[in-house]
Amino acid sequence: DLLARLLSYDPSGRPTVEEALCHPFFVQHEEQSRRNEVLEDADPETAALFAELDASVHALERQTFTGAVDREDEEEERYLKEGLAGRPNL
C-alpha cells in the first residue's frame, strides 16, 4: 500500500513526507525505538520480560505471515488444478 503510493507515477498520488511517516510501518518502528530506550534504563528483570514479549510478538508475526503465504499457495494450486482441468487441450 505505502510503497505503491510512494512510487506512484503521478506526483499528486504520492503521500507527503508527513503522511508517509504516519503510516503504520514507520509508527511501528518509532514505537520499537521508544521501547528500546526505556529498556536501556530498566532493571535487568524488566528488560528480560520485555525482550521475551518482543520475541513472542515477532514469532506471532512470522507465523501469521507464513500462514498467509501457505494459504495463497494452496489457493493458487487449487485454481491451477480446477481452472486448467476445465480447459480443452490446445
Protein backbone atom coordinates (compact mmCIF):
# COMPACT_ATOMS: atom_id res chain seq x y z
CA ASP A 1 0.00 0.00 0.00
CA LEU A 2 2.55 2.60 1.11
CA LEU A 3 5.19 1.51 -1.38
CA ALA A 4 2.73 1.65 -4.28
CA ARG A 5 1.67 5.16 -3.26
CA LEU A 6 5.27 6.32 -2.83
CA LEU A 7 6.16 5.01 -6.29
CA SER A 8 3.10 6.49 -7.97
CA TYR A 9 3.95 7.96 -11.38
CA ASP A 10 1.51 10.80 -10.77
CA PRO A 11 3.01 13.13 -8.12
CA SER A 12 -0.45 14.09 -6.87
CA GLY A 13 -0.99 10.44 -5.91
CA ARG A 14 2.11 10.34 -3.70
CA PRO A 15 1.83 10.96 0.04
CA THR A 16 3.61 13.87 1.65
CA VAL A 17 6.52 13.15 3.98
CA GLU A 18 4.26 13.74 6.98
CA GLU A 19 1.61 11.35 5.59
CA ALA A 20 4.20 8.67 4.85
CA LEU A 21 5.69 8.93 8.35
CA CYS A 22 2.22 8.41 9.86
CA HIS A 23 1.93 5.03 8.07
CA PRO A 24 1.86 2.05 10.49
CA PHE A 25 5.19 0.78 9.11
CA PHE A 26 7.03 3.85 10.38
CA VAL A 27 4.92 4.22 13.53
CA GLN A 28 5.76 0.63 14.48
CA HIS A 29 9.50 1.28 14.16
CA GLU A 30 9.21 4.51 16.16
CA GLU A 31 7.40 2.64 18.94
CA GLN A 32 10.11 -0.04 18.91
CA SER A 33 12.80 2.64 19.26
CA ARG A 34 10.98 4.13 22.25
CA ARG A 35 10.70 0.69 23.88
CA ASN A 36 14.42 0.14 23.36
CA GLU A 37 15.20 3.48 25.03
CA VAL A 38 13.03 2.53 28.02
CA LEU A 39 14.68 -0.88 28.26
CA GLU A 40 18.14 0.65 28.38
CA ASP A 41 17.15 2.34 31.65
CA ALA A 42 15.13 -0.60 33.06
CA ASP A 43 16.29 -3.12 35.61
CA PRO A 44 17.52 -6.46 34.17
CA GLU A 45 14.40 -8.42 35.17
CA THR A 46 12.06 -5.95 33.44
CA ALA A 47 14.30 -5.81 30.39
CA ALA A 48 14.22 -9.62 30.17
CA LEU A 49 10.42 -9.66 30.35
CA PHE A 50 10.12 -7.07 27.58
CA ALA A 51 12.65 -8.94 25.43
CA GLU A 52 10.63 -12.15 25.84
CA LEU A 53 7.41 -10.33 24.95
CA ASP A 54 9.03 -8.76 21.90
CA ALA A 55 10.30 -12.17 20.75
CA SER A 56 6.78 -13.59 21.14
CA VAL A 57 5.32 -10.77 19.04
CA HIS A 58 7.89 -11.35 16.28
CA ALA A 59 7.21 -15.10 16.34
CA LEU A 60 3.47 -14.46 16.01
CA GLU A 61 4.05 -12.06 13.11
CA ARG A 62 6.20 -14.65 11.32
CA GLN A 63 3.62 -17.36 11.95
CA THR A 64 0.82 -15.15 10.60
CA PHE A 65 2.83 -14.23 7.50
CA THR A 66 3.81 -17.84 6.85
CA GLY A 67 0.19 -18.95 7.19
CA ALA A 68 -0.95 -16.30 4.72
CA VAL A 69 1.69 -17.35 2.19
CA ASP A 70 0.75 -21.02 2.61
CA ARG A 71 -2.96 -20.24 2.05
CA GLU A 72 -2.10 -18.21 -1.03
CA ASP A 73 -0.03 -21.09 -2.42
CA GLU A 74 -2.89 -23.53 -1.76
CA GLU A 75 -5.38 -21.23 -3.49
CA GLU A 76 -3.08 -20.85 -6.50
CA GLU A 77 -2.58 -24.61 -6.73
CA ARG A 78 -6.34 -25.24 -6.49
CA TYR A 79 -7.02 -22.62 -9.15
CA LEU A 80 -4.48 -24.18 -11.50
CA LYS A 81 -5.89 -27.68 -10.98
CA GLU A 82 -9.54 -26.66 -11.31
CA GLY A 83 -9.03 -23.96 -13.90
CA LEU A 84 -6.80 -25.98 -16.21
CA ALA A 85 -8.85 -29.16 -15.84
CA GLY A 86 -11.84 -27.47 -17.46
CA ARG A 87 -9.91 -26.11 -20.45
CA PRO A 88 -9.62 -28.04 -23.69
CA ASN A 89 -6.13 -29.09 -24.74
CA LEU A 90 -4.56 -26.62 -27.13
